[in-house]
Amino acid sequence: MKTKILNYEIFNKSMKDLFEYIDKSDKLNIISGNPEVLYTGLNNPELLASFNRKESIIIPDGIGVVLSSKMVGNKVEQKIAGIEVMNGLLNKCGVENKPVYLLGAKREVLEKCKEKIISTYPSINIIGEHDGYFDIANCPELIQDIVSKKPYVLFVAMGCPRQEKFIAKYMDILPCSIFMGVGGSFDVFAGIVKRAPEWMIKSGLEWMYRVSKEPYRIKRLGSIPKFLFIVFKDKYLA
């Protein structure tokens, strides 16, 4: 069920298998394992420890991780995009009446995201939301709000590594069953950012589409070759 890549155990089965795993878990941190997130974790002991907790599962979100799995000789069954897992969890929560908390983004983006989620999943129970502009080290009112509302899922959309640091710091304190850092997914739900055409997603070229729409992202692409080189070096030059 896992492929070892460097210091990580990457989930290597299907989306269906992932949700069966989620159903069996009492507490779970779902990490969208793209090269940027994993490369950041390699250089941050706090995040590396969090990613490797028994309550964490790293999904292969990104063509760089899929290529890495081929390089180490244990290919993942499929790329699993974080936003698709988020959609699946929202559907699950709507069907099973499990409460959701949205944390992150600008206030106006958050409100549009919430409206879109409710229109897509009319039976969803969003019990709380908060924008991403607060001091992670000092946010007692926010933490108390989440504790009091006891959401099943906490979606954290604050970008890497801020969202991962928040989850690492508060996972043991908060009563949520599922934690998930979802990056810019609130922007997608809000309609501010569009996903790539289906053919690009299936071809592993979604990153190219996002860079064409948001050129500032090109700086972040450097993590892909850096991560691949480290995997290559570990596999063949160690």
Protein backbone atom coordinates (compact mmCIF):
# COMPACT_ATOMS: atom_id res chain seq x y z
CA MET A 1 0.00 0.00 0.00
CA LYS A 2 3.04 2.29 0.33
CA THR A 3 6.02 3.20 -1.87
CA LYS A 4 9.15 4.34 -0.07
CA ILE A 5 10.65 7.47 -1.60
CA LEU A 6 13.51 8.97 0.39
CA ASN A 7 12.23 9.51 3.95
CA TYR A 8 8.59 9.10 2.95
CA GLU A 9 6.02 6.36 2.62
CA ILE A 10 3.76 7.33 -0.30
CA PHE A 11 0.28 5.85 -0.69
CA ASN A 12 0.37 3.85 -3.92
CA LYS A 13 -3.12 2.47 -4.43
CA SER A 14 -6.28 3.90 -6.02
CA MET A 15 -8.62 6.68 -4.93
CA LYS A 16 -11.15 4.03 -3.93
CA ASP A 17 -8.57 2.34 -1.72
CA LEU A 18 -7.70 5.70 -0.19
CA PHE A 19 -11.29 6.31 0.92
CA GLU A 20 -11.50 2.80 2.36
CA TYR A 21 -8.38 3.69 4.36
CA ILE A 22 -9.98 6.97 5.46
CA ASP A 23 -13.11 5.15 6.62
CA LYS A 24 -11.03 2.93 8.88
CA SER A 25 -9.07 5.82 10.42
CA ASP A 26 -9.95 7.54 13.68
CA LYS A 27 -7.56 10.45 13.07
CA LEU A 28 -5.75 11.16 9.83
CA ASN A 29 -3.65 13.90 8.26
CA ILE A 30 -3.92 13.72 4.47
CA ILE A 31 -0.82 15.29 2.92
CA SER A 32 -0.89 16.30 -0.74
CA GLY A 33 2.54 14.94 -1.58
CA ASN A 34 3.72 17.04 -4.47
CA PRO A 35 7.47 17.72 -4.87
CA GLU A 36 7.21 21.19 -3.33
CA VAL A 37 5.61 19.88 -0.13
CA LEU A 38 7.92 16.87 0.14
CA TYR A 39 11.05 18.89 -0.64
CA THR A 40 10.03 21.39 2.05
CA GLY A 41 9.57 18.54 4.51
CA LEU A 42 13.07 17.21 3.82
CA ASN A 43 14.44 20.53 5.01
CA ASN A 44 12.15 21.00 8.01
CA PRO A 45 12.46 18.50 10.89
CA GLU A 46 9.07 19.49 12.34
CA LEU A 47 7.25 18.82 9.08
CA LEU A 48 9.25 15.66 8.33
CA ALA A 49 8.21 14.24 11.70
CA SER A 50 4.60 15.25 11.09
CA PHE A 51 4.54 13.68 7.62
CA ASN A 52 5.87 10.42 9.03
CA ARG A 53 3.43 10.08 11.91
CA LYS A 54 1.32 6.93 11.92
CA GLU A 55 -1.72 9.21 11.65
CA SER A 56 -0.45 10.74 8.40
CA ILE A 57 -0.90 9.55 4.84
CA ILE A 58 0.92 11.08 1.87
CA ILE A 59 -0.93 10.96 -1.44
CA PRO A 60 1.00 11.13 -4.76
CA ASP A 61 -0.20 14.58 -5.85
CA GLY A 62 2.02 15.58 -8.74
CA ILE A 63 3.79 14.16 -11.77
CA GLY A 64 7.15 14.56 -9.99
CA VAL A 65 6.12 12.06 -7.33
CA VAL A 66 4.72 9.66 -9.94
CA LEU A 67 8.05 9.80 -11.80
CA SER A 68 9.91 9.28 -8.52
CA SER A 69 7.90 6.15 -7.80
CA LYS A 70 8.92 4.74 -11.19
CA MET A 71 12.53 5.65 -10.46
CA VAL A 72 12.55 3.64 -7.22
CA GLY A 73 10.88 0.67 -8.92
CA ASN A 74 7.55 0.70 -7.06
CA LYS A 75 5.15 2.71 -9.20
CA VAL A 76 2.09 4.31 -7.61
CA GLU A 77 -1.18 3.09 -9.10
CA GLN A 78 -2.37 6.58 -9.95
CA LYS A 79 -1.75 10.27 -9.32
CA ILE A 80 -4.21 11.46 -6.68
CA ALA A 81 -4.88 15.19 -6.78
CA GLY A 82 -5.58 16.87 -3.48
CA ILE A 83 -8.56 18.81 -4.83
CA GLU A 84 -10.16 15.55 -5.98
CA VAL A 85 -9.74 14.10 -2.50
CA MET A 86 -11.28 17.27 -1.08
CA ASN A 87 -14.24 16.85 -3.41
CA GLY A 88 -14.60 13.24 -2.33
CA LEU A 89 -14.50 14.19 1.34
CA LEU A 90 -17.10 16.92 0.83
CA ASN A 91 -19.37 14.41 -0.88
CA LYS A 92 -18.81 11.92 1.95
CA CYS A 93 -19.58 14.54 4.57
CA GLY A 94 -22.75 15.59 2.77
CA VAL A 95 -24.01 12.03 2.48
CA GLU A 96 -23.02 11.01 6.01
CA ASN A 97 -23.90 14.34 7.70
CA LYS A 98 -20.37 14.90 8.98
CA PRO A 99 -19.47 18.51 9.87
CA VAL A 100 -16.81 20.49 8.00
CA TYR A 101 -14.63 23.46 9.00
CA LEU A 102 -12.96 25.71 6.40
CA LEU A 103 -9.76 27.49 7.39
CA GLY A 104 -7.70 29.72 5.12
CA ALA A 105 -7.62 32.14 2.18
CA LYS A 106 -8.85 35.73 2.14
CA ARG A 107 -12.27 36.42 3.66
CA GLU A 108 -13.92 37.16 0.30
CA VAL A 109 -12.43 34.01 -1.26
CA LEU A 110 -13.52 31.95 1.73
CA GLU A 111 -17.11 33.18 1.45
CA LYS A 112 -17.29 32.45 -2.29
CA CYS A 113 -15.74 29.03 -1.68
CA LYS A 114 -18.32 28.25 0.99
CA GLU A 115 -21.18 29.33 -1.27
CA LYS A 116 -19.92 27.13 -4.11
CA ILE A 117 -19.48 24.12 -1.84
CA ILE A 118 -23.03 24.51 -0.50
CA SER A 119 -24.44 24.83 -4.01
CA THR A 120 -22.54 21.71 -5.12
CA TYR A 121 -23.27 19.69 -2.00
CA PRO A 122 -26.62 21.02 -0.68
CA SER A 123 -26.66 18.70 2.33
CA ILE A 124 -23.20 19.73 3.51
CA ASN A 125 -22.88 20.96 7.09
CA ILE A 126 -20.20 23.67 7.24
CA ILE A 127 -20.12 24.44 10.94
CA GLY A 128 -17.33 27.02 10.93
CA GLU A 129 -14.89 29.01 8.85
CA HIS A 130 -12.00 31.39 9.39
CA ASP A 131 -9.70 33.19 6.97
CA GLY A 132 -5.99 32.43 6.87
CA TYR A 133 -4.78 35.72 8.31
CA PHE A 134 -3.80 35.04 11.91
CA ASP A 135 -0.75 34.26 14.01
CA ILE A 136 -0.26 30.49 14.04
CA ALA A 137 1.73 30.70 17.27
CA ASN A 138 -0.96 32.70 19.06
CA CYS A 139 -4.55 31.94 18.00
CA PRO A 140 -6.38 30.66 21.13
CA GLU A 141 -9.81 31.93 20.00
CA LEU A 142 -9.55 30.09 16.69
CA ILE A 143 -8.41 26.89 18.35
CA GLN A 144 -11.22 27.11 20.90
CA ASP A 145 -13.75 27.66 18.11
CA ILE A 146 -12.61 24.52 16.29
CA VAL A 147 -12.50 22.52 19.53
CA SER A 148 -16.03 23.58 20.49
CA LYS A 149 -17.50 22.78 17.07
CA LYS A 150 -15.80 19.37 16.69
CA PRO A 151 -15.65 19.14 12.88
CA TYR A 152 -15.10 15.78 11.22
CA VAL A 153 -12.91 17.40 8.54
CA LEU A 154 -10.70 20.46 8.84
CA PHE A 155 -9.59 21.81 5.46
CA VAL A 156 -6.61 24.17 5.78
CA ALA A 157 -5.92 26.37 2.74
CA MET A 158 -2.91 28.50 3.62
CA GLY A 159 -0.24 27.25 1.21
CA CYS A 160 2.97 25.34 1.90
CA PRO A 161 4.49 25.26 4.48
CA ARG A 162 2.11 27.40 6.57
CA GLN A 163 -0.82 24.97 6.42
CA GLU A 164 1.42 21.99 7.18
CA LYS A 165 2.94 23.82 10.14
CA PHE A 166 -0.52 24.63 11.51
CA ILE A 167 -1.62 21.01 11.31
CA ALA A 168 1.64 19.75 12.84
CA LYS A 169 1.26 22.17 15.76
CA TYR A 170 -2.41 21.58 16.57
CA MET A 171 -3.31 18.10 15.34
CA ASP A 172 -3.08 16.56 18.81
CA ILE A 173 -5.16 19.35 20.35
CA LEU A 174 -8.01 19.52 17.86
CA PRO A 175 -10.81 16.92 17.88
CA CYS A 176 -11.06 16.58 14.08
CA SER A 177 -10.96 13.13 12.48
CA ILE A 178 -9.52 14.34 9.17
CA PHE A 179 -6.99 17.12 8.61
CA MET A 180 -6.05 18.17 5.11
CA GLY A 181 -3.89 20.97 3.76
CA VAL A 182 -5.49 21.96 0.46
CA GLY A 183 -3.31 24.82 -0.81
CA GLY A 184 -5.15 26.91 -3.40
CA SER A 185 -8.24 24.70 -3.58
CA PHE A 186 -10.46 27.37 -2.00
CA ASP A 187 -9.53 29.62 -4.94
CA VAL A 188 -10.66 26.90 -7.35
CA PHE A 189 -13.97 26.39 -5.57
CA ALA A 190 -14.48 30.16 -5.44
CA GLY A 191 -14.05 30.34 -9.21
CA ILE A 192 -11.02 32.60 -9.01
CA VAL A 193 -8.69 29.93 -10.40
CA LYS A 194 -9.66 27.27 -12.93
CA ARG A 195 -8.20 23.78 -13.14
CA ALA A 196 -6.48 22.66 -16.29
CA PRO A 197 -8.41 20.95 -19.10
CA GLU A 198 -8.99 17.26 -18.46
CA TRP A 199 -6.46 16.15 -21.08
CA MET A 200 -3.71 18.15 -19.37
CA ILE A 201 -4.63 16.73 -15.96
CA LYS A 202 -4.50 13.17 -17.32
CA SER A 203 -1.21 13.86 -19.10
CA GLY A 204 0.45 15.18 -15.95
CA LEU A 205 0.66 18.69 -17.38
CA GLU A 206 -1.58 20.52 -14.92
CA TRP A 207 1.48 22.28 -13.52
CA MET A 208 2.14 23.81 -16.96
CA TYR A 209 -1.40 25.16 -17.17
CA ARG A 210 -1.19 26.68 -13.69
CA VAL A 211 2.10 28.40 -14.49
CA SER A 212 0.64 29.81 -17.73
CA LYS A 213 -2.21 31.32 -15.72
CA GLU A 214 -0.13 32.30 -12.67
CA PRO A 215 3.45 33.01 -13.88
CA TYR A 216 4.69 33.69 -10.33
CA ARG A 217 4.44 29.95 -9.75
CA ILE A 218 7.42 29.31 -12.02
CA LYS A 219 9.79 29.90 -9.10
CA ARG A 220 8.13 27.05 -7.23
CA LEU A 221 8.73 24.62 -10.10
CA GLY A 222 12.36 24.40 -9.06
CA SER A 223 11.33 21.94 -6.36
CA ILE A 224 10.44 19.34 -9.01
CA PRO A 225 13.93 18.83 -10.51
CA LYS A 226 15.50 19.25 -7.07
CA PHE A 227 13.30 16.52 -5.63
CA LEU A 228 13.83 14.22 -8.62
CA PHE A 229 17.59 14.69 -8.41
CA ILE A 230 17.62 13.78 -4.71
CA VAL A 231 15.58 10.65 -5.45
CA PHE A 232 17.94 9.73 -8.32
CA LYS A 233 21.01 10.29 -6.16
CA ASP A 234 19.53 8.24 -3.32
CA LYS A 235 18.63 5.39 -5.66
CA TYR A 236 21.68 5.21 -7.89
CA LEU A 237 24.55 7.16 -6.33
CA ALA A 238 24.24 6.39 -2.63
